[in-house]
Protein backbone atom coordinates (compact mmCIF):
# COMPACT_ATOMS: atom_id res chain seq x y z
CA MET A 1 -0.35 0.09 -0.05
CA LYS A 2 2.78 2.16 0.36
CA LYS A 3 2.42 5.36 -1.93
CA PHE A 4 3.59 3.80 -5.07
CA LEU A 5 3.57 5.64 -8.25
CA GLY A 6 2.50 8.90 -6.38
CA SER A 7 -1.31 9.02 -5.58
CA LEU A 8 -2.85 7.06 -8.51
CA LEU A 9 -1.05 4.15 -7.15
CA VAL A 10 -1.11 4.50 -3.65
CA LEU A 11 -4.86 4.84 -4.57
CA ALA A 12 -4.73 1.71 -5.46
CA SER A 13 -2.88 -0.06 -2.65
CA ALA A 14 -5.50 1.33 -0.34
CA LEU A 15 -6.82 -2.44 -1.07
CA MET A 16 -4.19 -4.19 0.42
CA LEU A 17 -3.95 -5.31 4.00
CA THR A 18 -0.26 -5.83 5.71
CA ALA A 19 0.57 -7.94 8.69
CA CYS A 20 0.36 -4.88 10.89
CA GLY A 21 -3.58 -4.34 10.15
CA GLY A 22 -6.33 -5.34 9.37
CA ALA A 23 -9.44 -4.54 6.86
CA GLY A 24 -12.12 -4.63 9.47
CA SER A 25 -14.93 -2.06 9.17
CA SER A 26 -14.80 1.94 10.50
CA LYS A 27 -16.54 2.60 13.46
CA ASP A 28 -17.67 6.42 14.81
CA ALA A 29 -15.58 7.47 11.73
CA ASP A 30 -18.18 10.28 10.88
CA ALA A 31 -17.53 11.40 14.50
CA GLY A 32 -14.27 11.99 14.17
CA SER A 33 -13.56 13.10 10.94
CA THR A 34 -14.63 16.57 11.18
CA ASN A 35 -12.43 19.00 13.55
CA ASN A 36 -14.50 21.20 15.43
CA GLY A 37 -12.30 24.19 14.91
CA SER A 38 -11.21 24.55 17.98
CA SER A 39 -8.04 23.93 19.97
CA GLU A 40 -9.99 22.69 22.84
CA LYS A 41 -10.35 19.00 21.01
CA ILE A 42 -7.97 17.30 18.71
CA THR A 43 -8.52 13.46 16.78
CA LEU A 44 -6.85 10.63 16.84
CA TRP A 45 -7.27 8.07 13.88
CA ALA A 46 -6.00 4.40 14.27
CA TRP A 47 -7.35 0.46 12.94
CA ASP A 48 -7.64 -2.38 15.67
CA GLU A 49 -9.09 -1.98 19.04
CA THR A 50 -7.62 -4.58 21.11
CA PHE A 51 -4.07 -3.16 19.89
CA ASN A 52 -3.54 0.66 18.52
CA ILE A 53 -6.76 1.65 19.71
CA LYS A 54 -6.26 0.58 23.14
CA ALA A 55 -2.77 1.80 23.67
CA ALA A 56 -4.43 5.58 22.52
CA GLU A 57 -6.67 5.12 25.07
CA ILE A 58 -4.55 4.27 27.72
CA ALA A 59 -1.83 7.17 26.26
CA LYS A 60 -4.97 9.88 27.32
CA GLU A 61 -4.88 9.09 30.88
CA TYR A 62 -1.13 10.19 30.44
CA TYR A 63 -1.95 13.76 28.93
CA GLU A 64 -1.44 16.64 31.10
CA ASN A 65 -3.53 19.44 29.42
CA LYS A 66 -7.62 18.28 30.46
CA ASP A 67 -8.67 21.89 28.68
CA VAL A 68 -8.04 19.78 25.50
CA THR A 69 -10.20 16.45 24.44
CA VAL A 70 -8.45 13.42 22.79
CA GLU A 71 -11.14 12.09 20.79
CA VAL A 72 -9.83 8.53 19.50
CA VAL A 73 -12.09 6.98 16.70
CA THR A 74 -11.87 3.35 15.71
CA MET A 75 -11.17 3.04 10.96
CA SER A 76 -9.96 0.44 9.23
CA GLN A 77 -6.33 0.82 7.94
CA ASN A 78 -7.75 0.35 4.47
CA ASP A 79 -10.45 3.23 5.25
CA ILE A 80 -7.44 5.43 6.56
CA VAL A 81 -5.45 5.32 3.44
CA GLN A 82 -7.93 5.91 1.15
CA LYS A 83 -8.69 9.13 2.90
CA LEU A 84 -5.26 10.22 3.11
CA ASN A 85 -4.75 9.55 -0.39
CA THR A 86 -8.12 11.03 -1.42
CA SER A 87 -7.38 14.79 1.35
CA LEU A 88 -4.26 14.72 0.32
CA ALA A 89 -4.19 14.47 -3.26
CA SER A 90 -6.63 17.22 -3.74
CA GLY A 91 -4.61 19.86 -1.32
CA ASN A 92 -8.01 19.66 1.09
CA THR A 93 -7.63 18.41 4.89
CA GLU A 94 -10.30 19.36 6.35
CA GLY A 95 -12.34 16.24 7.22
CA LEU A 96 -8.93 15.04 8.22
CA PRO A 97 -8.07 13.76 11.90
CA ASN A 98 -4.70 15.57 14.19
CA ILE A 99 -2.69 12.37 15.07
CA VAL A 100 -2.99 9.16 12.52
CA LEU A 101 -1.38 6.34 12.74
CA ILE A 102 0.34 5.33 9.71
CA GLU A 103 2.48 1.74 8.93
CA ASP A 104 5.82 1.75 8.31
CA TYR A 105 6.08 0.55 5.21
CA ARG A 106 3.71 3.22 3.79
CA ILE A 107 5.25 6.43 5.66
CA GLN A 108 7.79 7.09 2.73
CA SER A 109 4.86 7.21 0.02
CA TYR A 110 3.09 10.01 1.73
CA LEU A 111 6.13 12.27 3.21
CA THR A 112 7.71 12.14 -0.44
CA SER A 113 4.10 12.64 -2.47
CA TYR A 114 2.94 14.97 0.19
CA PRO A 115 6.19 17.03 1.48
CA ASP A 116 3.76 19.85 3.40
CA ALA A 117 1.39 18.13 4.57
CA PHE A 118 2.55 16.64 8.02
CA SER A 119 3.71 18.31 10.52
CA ASP A 120 7.73 18.27 11.80
CA LEU A 121 8.20 16.57 15.08
CA GLY A 122 11.35 17.08 15.80
CA SER A 123 10.77 18.99 19.16
CA ILE A 124 9.35 16.70 20.31
CA VAL A 125 11.26 13.54 18.84
CA LYS A 126 14.30 12.47 20.20
CA GLU A 127 16.19 9.86 17.68
CA LYS A 128 18.81 8.91 20.57
CA ASP A 129 15.54 7.67 22.24
CA PHE A 130 14.53 5.01 19.78
CA SER A 131 15.54 1.88 17.72
CA ASP A 132 17.56 3.14 15.00
CA TYR A 133 15.82 1.50 12.39
CA LYS A 134 12.82 3.76 13.26
CA PHE A 135 14.56 6.25 11.50
CA ALA A 136 14.76 5.23 8.12
CA VAL A 137 11.03 5.53 7.45
CA ASN A 138 10.06 8.90 9.27
CA LYS A 139 12.38 10.82 8.22
CA VAL A 140 12.89 12.96 4.98
CA ASP A 141 16.85 14.76 4.94
CA ASP A 142 17.15 16.02 8.82
CA LYS A 143 13.48 16.31 9.70
CA ILE A 144 11.53 13.81 11.62
CA TYR A 145 7.86 13.67 10.79
CA GLY A 146 6.77 10.46 13.02
CA VAL A 147 6.53 9.54 16.83
CA PRO A 148 7.83 5.77 16.36
CA PHE A 149 5.18 3.81 17.99
CA ASP A 150 5.76 -0.30 18.35
CA SER A 151 8.03 -2.55 17.24
CA GLY A 152 7.49 -5.18 14.57
CA VAL A 153 10.52 -7.41 15.71
CA ALA A 154 10.39 -10.75 14.73
CA GLY A 155 11.40 -13.73 16.14
CA ILE A 156 10.36 -17.32 16.21
CA PHE A 157 7.10 -18.60 18.25
CA TYR A 158 6.95 -22.33 18.60
CA ARG A 159 5.61 -24.77 20.65
CA ARG A 160 8.09 -26.10 23.04
CA ASP A 161 6.29 -29.55 23.20
CA TYR A 162 6.46 -30.35 19.81
CA PHE A 163 9.93 -29.68 19.42
CA GLU A 164 11.11 -31.53 22.32
CA GLU A 165 8.80 -34.29 21.29
CA ALA A 166 11.31 -34.12 18.41
CA GLY A 167 14.58 -33.96 19.98
CA TYR A 168 15.18 -30.20 20.08
CA LYS A 169 15.63 -28.47 23.17
CA GLU A 170 15.26 -24.36 23.36
CA ALA A 171 19.48 -23.82 22.90
CA ASP A 172 18.82 -25.75 19.63
CA LEU A 173 17.19 -22.42 18.50
CA GLN A 174 19.89 -20.06 18.89
CA ASP A 175 22.45 -18.94 16.53
CA ILE A 176 21.39 -21.19 13.46
CA ASN A 177 20.96 -20.06 9.72
CA TRP A 178 17.51 -20.61 7.75
CA ASP A 179 19.28 -23.67 6.50
CA ASP A 180 19.64 -24.98 9.78
CA LEU A 181 16.03 -24.17 10.38
CA ILE A 182 14.93 -26.00 7.28
CA LYS A 183 16.42 -29.38 8.70
CA ILE A 184 15.29 -28.98 11.79
CA ALA A 185 11.39 -28.40 10.05
CA ARG A 186 11.87 -31.63 8.96
CA VAL A 187 12.56 -33.86 11.32
CA VAL A 188 9.89 -32.16 13.48
CA LYS A 189 7.36 -32.71 10.69
CA ASP A 190 9.13 -36.07 10.42
CA LYS A 191 8.52 -37.00 13.99
CA THR A 192 5.18 -35.06 15.22
CA GLY A 193 3.12 -34.42 11.80
CA HIS A 194 3.45 -31.12 12.36
CA ALA A 195 4.43 -28.92 9.97
CA LEU A 196 6.60 -25.55 11.06
CA MET A 197 4.19 -23.15 10.03
CA THR A 198 1.21 -21.87 8.02
CA MET A 199 1.89 -19.80 4.53
CA ASP A 200 -0.06 -17.71 1.98
CA PRO A 201 2.14 -18.47 -1.06
CA SER A 202 0.85 -15.20 -2.06
CA ASP A 203 2.05 -13.15 0.84
CA LEU A 204 6.25 -12.72 1.53
CA GLY A 205 6.48 -11.49 4.48
CA LEU A 206 8.58 -14.24 5.19
CA THR A 207 10.90 -13.08 2.31
CA ARG A 208 10.75 -9.10 3.98
CA ILE A 209 12.26 -10.72 7.73
CA ILE A 210 15.08 -12.15 5.74
CA MET A 211 16.22 -9.58 3.62
CA GLN A 212 16.08 -7.17 6.15
CA SER A 213 18.02 -8.99 8.64
CA THR A 214 21.16 -7.82 5.85
CA GLY A 215 20.31 -4.60 6.04
CA LYS A 216 18.85 -5.01 2.11
CA TRP A 217 14.66 -4.86 0.48
CA PHE A 218 13.25 -4.58 -2.92
CA THR A 219 15.13 -0.77 -3.43
CA ASP A 220 18.76 0.52 -2.46
CA GLU A 221 19.23 2.55 0.04
CA SER A 222 17.58 5.62 -1.14
CA GLY A 223 14.11 3.38 -1.60
CA GLU A 224 13.81 4.69 -5.25
CA LYS A 225 15.52 2.52 -7.46
CA VAL A 226 14.54 -1.25 -7.96
CA THR A 227 16.50 -3.72 -6.96
CA LEU A 228 15.81 -7.06 -7.72
CA LYS A 229 18.25 -8.71 -9.77
CA GLY A 230 21.21 -9.73 -8.49
CA ASN A 231 19.97 -9.00 -4.88
CA LYS A 232 21.43 -12.12 -3.47
CA ALA A 233 19.09 -11.51 0.08
CA LEU A 234 16.35 -11.34 -1.57
CA GLU A 235 17.20 -14.90 -3.63
CA TYR A 236 18.09 -16.61 -0.58
CA ALA A 237 14.79 -15.37 1.05
CA LEU A 238 13.04 -16.26 -2.26
CA LYS A 239 14.59 -19.98 -1.97
CA ILE A 240 13.91 -20.82 1.58
CA GLN A 241 10.30 -19.83 1.19
CA ALA A 242 10.09 -22.08 -1.78
CA THR A 243 11.47 -24.87 0.02
CA ILE A 244 9.32 -24.49 3.03
CA LEU A 245 6.57 -24.82 0.43
CA LYS A 246 7.65 -26.96 -2.19
CA GLU A 247 8.63 -29.43 0.78
CA GLY A 248 5.12 -29.15 2.83
CA LEU A 249 7.07 -27.65 5.74
CA ALA A 250 4.12 -25.16 5.60
CA GLU A 251 0.59 -25.51 6.08
CA GLN A 252 -1.28 -23.61 3.26
CA VAL A 253 -3.36 -21.06 4.41
CA SER A 254 -5.19 -18.08 2.38
CA ASP A 255 -5.75 -16.04 4.24
CA TRP A 256 -4.81 -14.21 7.79
CA ASP A 257 -7.96 -16.31 9.89
CA GLY A 258 -6.07 -19.41 8.48
CA GLY A 259 -3.01 -18.75 9.81
CA VAL A 260 -4.18 -17.86 13.15
CA ASN A 261 -6.53 -20.89 13.66
CA GLY A 262 -3.30 -23.03 12.49
CA VAL A 263 -1.28 -21.95 15.83
CA GLN A 264 -4.47 -22.27 17.76
CA SER A 265 -5.76 -25.33 16.73
CA GLY A 266 -2.29 -26.40 17.22
CA SER A 267 -1.98 -27.59 13.83
CA VAL A 268 1.79 -26.21 13.43
CA ALA A 269 4.88 -26.09 15.33
CA SER A 270 5.69 -22.16 15.24
CA ALA A 271 5.04 -19.01 13.70
CA ILE A 272 7.70 -16.37 12.16
CA GLN A 273 6.22 -13.40 12.98
CA GLY A 274 6.44 -9.93 14.55
CA CYS A 275 6.07 -9.29 18.17
CA TRP A 276 2.67 -7.85 17.91
CA TYR A 277 1.58 -11.57 17.31
CA ALA A 278 1.86 -12.77 20.50
CA SER A 279 -1.62 -11.55 20.96
CA THR A 280 -2.78 -14.35 18.60
CA ILE A 281 -0.22 -17.10 20.60
CA GLN A 282 -1.97 -16.50 23.29
CA GLY A 283 -5.11 -16.55 22.66
CA ALA A 284 -5.63 -19.92 22.86
CA GLU A 285 -5.57 -19.99 26.81
CA ASP A 286 -5.28 -23.67 26.82
CA GLN A 287 -1.37 -23.75 25.22
CA THR A 288 -0.19 -21.73 28.16
CA GLY A 289 3.81 -22.96 29.21
CA LYS A 290 3.47 -24.57 25.61
CA TRP A 291 5.21 -21.95 23.91
CA GLY A 292 8.96 -20.18 23.24
CA ILE A 293 9.90 -17.64 21.38
CA ALA A 294 13.44 -17.85 19.56
CA PRO A 295 15.51 -14.90 17.54
CA ILE A 296 15.06 -15.31 14.09
CA PRO A 297 17.68 -17.40 11.91
CA VAL A 298 20.47 -15.79 9.80
CA ILE A 299 21.47 -15.96 6.18
CA LYS A 300 23.75 -18.56 5.31
CA GLY A 301 27.21 -17.58 4.99
CA ASP A 302 26.22 -13.44 5.39
CA ALA A 303 28.34 -12.42 7.94
CA ASN A 304 26.14 -8.37 7.53
CA SER A 305 22.74 -10.93 8.32
CA LYS A 306 21.82 -10.67 11.51
CA HIS A 307 19.17 -12.68 14.23
CA SER A 308 16.60 -9.23 14.15
CA SER A 309 15.11 -7.93 11.80
CA ASN A 310 11.01 -6.40 11.65
CA ILE A 311 7.62 -6.89 10.08
CA GLY A 312 4.60 -4.34 10.18
CA GLY A 313 5.32 -1.42 12.61
CA GLY A 314 3.94 2.27 12.68
CA GLY A 315 4.37 5.60 13.81
CA TRP A 316 2.03 8.44 15.06
CA TYR A 317 1.72 11.49 12.58
CA VAL A 318 0.67 14.83 12.72
CA ILE A 319 -1.47 16.94 9.89
CA LYS A 320 0.25 19.85 9.51
CA GLY A 321 -2.01 23.20 9.28
CA LEU A 322 -5.40 21.84 11.46
CA PRO A 323 -6.62 23.75 14.47
CA GLY A 324 -5.34 21.85 17.33
CA GLU A 325 -1.91 21.13 15.76
CA GLU A 326 0.39 22.48 18.61
CA GLN A 327 -1.92 20.44 20.71
CA ALA A 328 -1.80 17.29 18.58
CA LYS A 329 2.00 17.84 19.34
CA GLU A 330 1.70 18.09 22.74
CA PHE A 331 -0.19 15.12 23.38
CA LEU A 332 2.38 12.92 21.43
CA GLY A 333 5.43 15.18 23.26
CA GLN A 334 3.69 13.85 26.60
CA THR A 335 2.82 10.21 25.94
CA PHE A 336 4.05 8.10 22.93
CA ALA A 337 7.52 10.16 22.32
CA SER A 338 8.78 9.91 26.13
CA ASN A 339 6.62 8.05 28.70
CA VAL A 340 7.81 5.45 30.05
CA ASP A 341 5.13 4.53 32.54
CA LEU A 342 2.90 4.18 29.68
CA MET A 343 4.93 2.12 27.67
CA ASN A 344 5.22 -0.60 30.63
CA GLN A 345 1.44 -0.25 31.12
CA LEU A 346 0.98 -0.56 26.94
CA ALA A 347 3.45 -3.54 27.37
CA LYS A 348 1.47 -5.28 30.37
CA GLU A 349 -1.97 -4.06 28.79
CA VAL A 350 -1.60 -4.49 25.40
CA GLY A 351 1.44 -6.93 24.59
CA VAL A 352 3.23 -3.58 22.86
CA ILE A 353 6.54 -3.83 22.19
CA SER A 354 7.56 0.09 22.69
CA THR A 355 11.05 0.91 20.11
CA LEU A 356 11.53 3.99 23.00
CA LYS A 357 14.72 2.69 24.46
CA ALA A 358 14.10 3.68 27.93
CA ALA A 359 10.89 1.25 27.87
CA SER A 360 13.31 -1.81 28.38
CA LYS A 361 14.22 -0.61 31.98
CA SER A 362 10.72 -0.81 33.18
CA PRO A 363 9.17 -3.25 35.32
CA ILE A 364 7.62 -5.59 33.13
CA TYR A 365 10.35 -5.80 30.57
CA GLN A 366 12.00 -8.20 33.59
CA GLU A 367 9.64 -10.30 34.20
CA GLY A 368 8.72 -13.76 32.93
CA VAL A 369 5.58 -14.48 31.34
CA ALA A 370 3.74 -17.73 32.47
CA PHE A 371 2.55 -18.47 28.87
CA TYR A 372 5.67 -18.56 27.44
CA ASP A 373 7.42 -20.89 30.25
CA GLY A 374 8.66 -18.09 32.16
CA GLN A 375 10.77 -16.84 29.61
CA LYS A 376 11.37 -12.79 29.60
CA VAL A 377 9.75 -12.28 26.59
CA PHE A 378 10.10 -8.72 26.62
CA GLU A 379 13.38 -8.34 27.44
CA ASP A 380 14.16 -10.62 24.43
CA PHE A 381 12.00 -8.65 21.76
CA SER A 382 13.32 -5.56 23.25
CA ASN A 383 17.10 -6.34 22.64
CA TRP A 384 16.22 -7.98 19.49
CA SER A 385 14.67 -4.66 18.18
CA ALA A 386 17.61 -2.56 19.54
CA GLU A 387 19.27 -4.91 16.97
CA VAL A 388 17.16 -4.23 13.95
CA PRO A 389 18.73 -3.02 10.01
CA LYS A 390 17.83 0.15 9.65
CA VAL A 391 16.26 0.19 6.16
CA ASN A 392 14.21 2.83 3.91
CA TYR A 393 11.46 0.76 2.57
CA GLY A 394 10.60 3.39 -0.28
CA LYS A 395 7.30 4.13 -1.67
CA ASP A 396 6.64 0.72 -3.53
CA THR A 397 6.97 -2.29 -1.29
CA TYR A 398 3.81 -3.69 -1.67
CA ALA A 399 3.67 -2.87 -5.68
CA ILE A 400 6.92 -4.26 -5.83
CA GLU A 401 5.37 -7.51 -4.34
CA SER A 402 2.33 -8.17 -5.93
CA ILE A 403 5.05 -8.72 -9.23
CA LEU A 404 7.15 -10.98 -6.62
CA THR A 405 3.98 -13.18 -5.88
CA GLU A 406 4.49 -14.84 -9.19
CA SER A 407 8.07 -15.04 -8.98
CA LEU A 408 7.83 -17.26 -5.86
CA GLN A 409 5.69 -19.77 -7.74
CA GLU A 410 8.46 -20.08 -10.26
CA VAL A 411 11.11 -20.63 -8.14
CA ILE A 412 8.69 -23.52 -6.22
CA ASN A 413 7.85 -25.31 -9.70
CA GLY A 414 12.11 -25.46 -10.65
CA GLY A 415 13.07 -21.75 -12.19
CA ASP A 416 16.17 -20.48 -11.89
CA VAL A 417 16.09 -17.74 -9.57
CA ASP A 418 18.64 -15.19 -10.79
CA LYS A 419 16.76 -15.43 -13.78
CA VAL A 420 13.18 -14.94 -12.48
CA LEU A 421 14.09 -11.76 -10.74
CA THR A 422 16.28 -10.69 -13.72
CA ASN A 423 13.14 -11.05 -15.75
CA VAL A 424 10.81 -9.41 -12.99
CA GLN A 425 13.24 -6.41 -12.45
CA LYS A 426 12.56 -5.39 -16.22
CA GLN A 427 8.58 -5.72 -15.29
CA ALA A 428 8.88 -3.88 -12.08
CA GLU A 429 11.00 -1.22 -13.60
CA ASP A 430 8.32 -0.39 -16.30
CA GLN A 431 5.37 -0.43 -13.97
CA LEU A 432 6.92 1.86 -11.46
CA GLU A 433 9.66 4.06 -12.65
CA ASN A 434 8.29 5.22 -15.44
C-alpha cells in the first residue's frame, strides 16, 4: 500500500492488507472525521481496537492538558489510507484527523508525495531515544515527521512440546541459519506430524523478514531504485520460502484467519512473525506454558545478517495546518514520544513492544511470562529490536511484492531464481519507474 506511483497507485494500494493491520469495518468514523475548529479538541485515527486503539485510549490518561479533549476514532487501515489519499491528493485536509497512525511500510509514500502535509516533530522526538531502524522511514532529509510506536521485531514463536518431542531444546534454536531451520522443520514434521508453520503463498512476509536481517530490501538505500536483479538476500529468501512450501513444511492457508487457526488449534509447530503476533498466540489459553520464542535465523554465509529483523510496526503522524496542531504535538510529546510509565502499562495490558529504548528498563520487561514458560519475552524482543538493521522501505514495497508473488511460484516450480529476478526486474521498472 505504500505510496506507489504518486497518488494514483497509492490510492490503489489501499485495497491491500499488511501484517500490522486488518481490513475491518470503520467505527465512529463520521463522528471523528470533522475537526470542530477548536484547539480544545484533537482527533486521532487508528485501527485495531485490541492493540492500537486500546493503546491510544490508555495514552489519554497520561496527557496532562485536561482542557483538551482527545477523541480516538476506530477505522480500518484501508479506510484510513483511502481517506488520506483522497484528501492529500486534492490538497484539502479538512475532515482529516490531527493525529494518524501510519504503517512503516507506507509512510515514505506520503512523506515524499505530500511533503507539506505533515508537521515536523523534531521538537518532541529525539532520535537517540528510539530504536535506530525506525528513522529509516519516518524522516525526510534531517526532518523527523513521526513518533515511532510499536516494534515489529520478528521472532520464532514455537511449540516447546512439539520441538522437544522431535528431540530439540531451546538451545537448538539459538545461533542458527535458515538452512538449519529447514533441517529442523523436516525432523519436526517427521517425528510429530506437524508442519513448521502456516503460509499464504501470496504473502512474502517471510521474504521481507529475511532480507531486512541483512539490511537489504526490494530497492536501494534511497528507496527509489528497484534492485531485484542480483539481490542475493532476496534470492536466498525466495529459495527458503519456496523450499518450505515445496516440501510441505508449511500448512498452506489463503488468509489471515487460516494462519490464526493453524497456531491456535495446535496444527503447526511455530509461527515466524512480528512481536505483535503474541496476542494471537496467547488467544489459545489452553496452551499456556507450551510456547517459547526464539530469535530468527541468519542468512547462511552472510556475515552482515543478524538474528534481528522486522515485520510491520507503525508511527504517529500529525497533519499540518489543522486547528489543534500544537495540542496534537503536545499530546504525543507527553505520551508516545517519551513516557516510560505509559510504555510499561502498554506492555502489560496491550502487549506493545516499544521502540522507546528507556522502556526496556521498566519492570515488566524484566519479568518472566507464564504463557511462554517463564521466558522474559519482553526483554528478549526489546534486545532484538535494538539490533534490527535500518532499511528505507521506499514507496513501492507492496507494488513490488505484488509483482514478485508469481516469481515465488516460478521458483517453487524449479525456475532459476537469478533468471526469474532478472525478468521481474524489467517488469518492475516498467511499472514503477516510468
